[in-house]
Amino acid sequence: MLTLQFSPFPQLETERLLLKQIGPEHAPALFEMRSNPEVMQYIDRPLAQTVNDAMALIQIIMDMQGKNEGITWGIFTKDASPLRGTIGFWRIEKQNYRAEIGYMIHPSLQGKGLMQEAIAAVLQHGFNTMKLHSVEANIKPNNTASKKLLERNGFVQEGYFRENYYFNGVFSDSAIFSLLAPK
């Protein structure tokens, strides 16, 4: 079975980004993203209504990390920017050496290749340090940017579930992508 240790927190660095631990001080920036319909259009979660909603999510992230059950990095540009996104492994199946990746980035940074840098660093950490065997991504089929990002990183679509998810009074489809550890 997979043994994980997220303390000390593994900070990752790319050409333009620092991926590091988030805490209560990042709640206002997280609230800005989680309350933005453009950012949340492909994430089936309620829009954040207050900074306290973002703070509650940060507490969940911190609790999961403390129990070595999940890890989420804050995405920061190297120019000392505020929190500009998140990326991490939410559902870790230790018995299967498998995790689900999730990510989001501020609209001002979309289309600049920054999420490509972030996902490459996180996948490298997941396979080389965490010793994952496979990584899954569950996206809305109409999220073409996320689909392209996953395919560019070697993910293949393994499943398509019709109307398998109910949110805000609507049944939605899910596309499931997977990537195996490099051999």
Protein backbone atom coordinates (compact mmCIF):
# COMPACT_ATOMS: atom_id res chain seq x y z
CA MET A 1 0.00 0.00 0.00
CA LEU A 2 1.14 3.51 -0.81
CA THR A 3 2.70 5.38 2.12
CA LEU A 4 2.54 9.16 1.90
CA GLN A 5 4.07 11.97 3.94
CA PHE A 6 3.12 15.59 3.18
CA SER A 7 5.09 17.10 6.05
CA PRO A 8 7.25 18.98 5.47
CA PHE A 9 5.15 20.33 2.62
CA PRO A 10 6.86 19.74 -0.75
CA GLN A 11 7.25 23.09 -2.49
CA LEU A 12 7.66 22.75 -6.27
CA GLU A 13 9.19 25.24 -8.69
CA THR A 14 8.89 25.68 -12.44
CA GLU A 15 10.33 28.27 -14.80
CA ARG A 16 7.64 30.84 -13.91
CA LEU A 17 5.80 29.39 -10.91
CA LEU A 18 6.11 28.49 -7.27
CA LEU A 19 3.75 25.75 -6.12
CA LYS A 20 3.48 25.96 -2.36
CA GLN A 21 1.26 25.35 0.62
CA ILE A 22 -1.75 27.56 1.09
CA GLY A 23 -3.09 28.74 4.41
CA PRO A 24 -5.65 31.08 5.97
CA GLU A 25 -3.84 34.14 4.63
CA HIS A 26 -4.78 33.05 1.09
CA ALA A 27 -8.54 32.97 1.75
CA PRO A 28 -9.28 36.35 0.08
CA ALA A 29 -7.52 35.35 -3.16
CA LEU A 30 -9.16 31.91 -3.13
CA PHE A 31 -12.54 33.57 -2.53
CA GLU A 32 -11.95 35.81 -5.56
CA MET A 33 -11.55 32.72 -7.75
CA ARG A 34 -14.17 30.47 -6.13
CA SER A 35 -16.81 33.22 -6.35
CA ASN A 36 -16.09 33.90 -10.03
CA PRO A 37 -18.57 32.14 -12.37
CA GLU A 38 -15.96 32.09 -15.17
CA VAL A 39 -13.46 30.21 -12.98
CA MET A 40 -16.11 27.87 -11.60
CA GLN A 41 -17.98 27.12 -14.84
CA TYR A 42 -16.49 23.61 -15.07
CA ILE A 43 -16.32 22.89 -11.33
CA ASP A 44 -19.55 21.52 -9.91
CA ARG A 45 -19.37 23.25 -6.57
CA PRO A 46 -21.40 26.19 -5.30
CA LEU A 47 -19.89 29.62 -5.82
CA ALA A 48 -18.24 30.91 -2.67
CA GLN A 49 -20.46 33.52 -1.04
CA THR A 50 -18.01 34.83 1.56
CA VAL A 51 -14.32 34.70 2.43
CA ASN A 52 -15.39 32.25 5.16
CA ASP A 53 -16.42 29.78 2.43
CA ALA A 54 -12.87 29.95 1.05
CA MET A 55 -11.49 29.62 4.57
CA ALA A 56 -13.58 26.45 5.08
CA LEU A 57 -12.11 24.96 1.88
CA ILE A 58 -8.58 25.84 3.02
CA GLN A 59 -9.29 24.06 6.32
CA ILE A 60 -10.41 20.94 4.42
CA ILE A 61 -7.22 21.08 2.34
CA MET A 62 -5.08 21.48 5.47
CA ASP A 63 -6.89 18.62 7.24
CA MET A 64 -6.42 16.28 4.27
CA GLN A 65 -2.73 17.15 4.10
CA GLY A 66 -2.35 16.65 7.84
CA LYS A 67 -3.79 13.14 7.48
CA ASN A 68 -1.71 12.45 4.32
CA GLU A 69 -4.96 11.86 2.42
CA GLY A 70 -4.63 14.61 -0.19
CA ILE A 71 -2.36 17.44 -1.21
CA THR A 72 -3.11 20.78 -2.86
CA TRP A 73 -0.55 23.32 -3.97
CA GLY A 74 -1.25 26.99 -4.36
CA ILE A 75 -0.12 28.37 -7.70
CA PHE A 76 1.92 31.57 -7.42
CA THR A 77 3.86 33.37 -10.13
CA LYS A 78 7.46 34.15 -9.20
CA ASP A 79 6.78 37.90 -9.25
CA ALA A 80 5.39 37.64 -5.68
CA SER A 81 1.82 37.45 -6.90
CA PRO A 82 -1.12 36.54 -4.70
CA LEU A 83 -2.55 33.04 -4.97
CA ARG A 84 -3.49 32.57 -8.65
CA GLY A 85 -4.74 28.99 -8.68
CA THR A 86 -4.65 25.56 -7.11
CA ILE A 87 -3.60 22.10 -8.25
CA GLY A 88 -3.46 18.86 -6.36
CA PHE A 89 -4.37 15.26 -5.75
CA TRP A 90 -7.78 15.07 -4.05
CA ARG A 91 -8.85 11.46 -4.09
CA ILE A 92 -5.89 9.28 -3.30
CA GLU A 93 -6.54 5.53 -3.39
CA LYS A 94 -3.50 4.31 -1.46
CA GLN A 95 -4.33 0.64 -2.03
CA ASN A 96 -4.37 1.24 -5.81
CA TYR A 97 -1.48 3.73 -6.00
CA ARG A 98 -3.89 6.06 -7.79
CA ALA A 99 -4.96 9.68 -7.33
CA GLU A 100 -7.34 12.13 -8.95
CA ILE A 101 -5.88 15.44 -10.05
CA GLY A 102 -7.80 18.69 -9.96
CA TYR A 103 -6.80 22.24 -10.83
CA MET A 104 -8.01 25.78 -11.45
CA ILE A 105 -6.32 29.02 -12.44
CA HIS A 106 -7.26 32.70 -12.36
CA PRO A 107 -8.74 33.93 -15.68
CA SER A 108 -5.96 36.51 -16.06
CA LEU A 109 -3.44 33.65 -16.37
CA GLN A 110 -5.40 31.32 -18.64
CA GLY A 111 -3.95 30.58 -22.06
CA LYS A 112 -0.36 31.42 -21.09
CA GLY A 113 0.97 27.90 -20.57
CA LEU A 114 1.18 28.27 -16.80
CA MET A 115 -1.12 25.36 -16.01
CA GLN A 116 1.07 23.24 -18.31
CA GLU A 117 4.05 24.09 -16.11
CA ALA A 118 2.08 23.36 -12.95
CA ILE A 119 0.65 20.03 -14.09
CA ALA A 120 4.03 18.81 -15.36
CA ALA A 121 5.65 19.56 -11.98
CA VAL A 122 2.81 17.98 -9.99
CA LEU A 123 2.73 14.84 -12.17
CA GLN A 124 6.49 14.45 -11.84
CA HIS A 125 6.15 14.73 -8.06
CA GLY A 126 3.21 12.31 -8.05
CA PHE A 127 4.99 9.62 -10.04
CA ASN A 128 8.57 10.05 -8.83
CA THR A 129 8.19 11.08 -5.18
CA MET A 130 4.73 9.85 -4.16
CA LYS A 131 5.18 6.67 -6.26
CA LEU A 132 1.72 6.83 -7.84
CA HIS A 133 1.00 4.25 -10.53
CA SER A 134 -1.81 6.19 -12.20
CA VAL A 135 -3.52 9.57 -12.13
CA GLU A 136 -7.14 10.21 -13.06
CA ALA A 137 -8.87 13.40 -14.15
CA ASN A 138 -12.64 13.85 -14.20
CA ILE A 139 -13.71 16.76 -16.39
CA LYS A 140 -16.81 18.16 -18.01
CA PRO A 141 -16.74 17.03 -21.66
CA ASN A 142 -17.19 20.61 -22.95
CA ASN A 143 -14.09 21.84 -21.08
CA THR A 144 -11.91 21.83 -24.19
CA ALA A 145 -8.99 23.67 -22.55
CA SER A 146 -8.73 21.04 -19.81
CA LYS A 147 -9.09 18.20 -22.33
CA LYS A 148 -6.24 19.64 -24.43
CA LEU A 149 -4.08 20.11 -21.32
CA LEU A 150 -4.61 16.50 -20.26
CA GLU A 151 -3.96 15.10 -23.74
CA ARG A 152 -0.81 17.23 -24.09
CA ASN A 153 0.43 15.53 -20.91
CA GLY A 154 -0.26 12.00 -22.13
CA PHE A 155 -3.67 11.39 -20.54
CA VAL A 156 -6.12 9.28 -22.51
CA GLN A 157 -9.88 9.29 -22.20
CA GLU A 158 -10.95 6.02 -20.63
CA GLY A 159 -14.58 6.68 -19.92
CA TYR A 160 -17.57 8.84 -20.63
CA PHE A 161 -20.47 8.80 -18.22
CA ARG A 162 -23.77 10.27 -19.37
CA GLU A 163 -25.68 12.36 -16.86
CA ASN A 164 -23.86 10.74 -13.94
CA TYR A 165 -23.55 13.89 -11.85
CA TYR A 166 -26.36 16.04 -10.45
CA PHE A 167 -25.61 19.65 -9.53
CA ASN A 168 -27.78 22.79 -9.45
CA GLY A 169 -30.82 20.93 -10.74
CA VAL A 170 -29.03 19.57 -13.81
CA PHE A 171 -27.64 16.14 -14.69
CA SER A 172 -24.20 16.48 -16.31
CA ASP A 173 -21.87 14.16 -18.20
CA SER A 174 -18.32 13.33 -17.10
CA ALA A 175 -15.26 12.45 -19.17
CA ILE A 176 -12.65 10.39 -17.33
CA PHE A 177 -9.00 10.61 -18.35
CA SER A 178 -6.10 8.56 -17.01
CA LEU A 179 -2.31 8.57 -17.14
CA LEU A 180 -0.04 5.70 -16.13
CA ALA A 181 3.36 6.22 -14.53
CA PRO A 182 6.20 6.31 -17.05
CA LYS A 183 7.94 2.96 -17.37
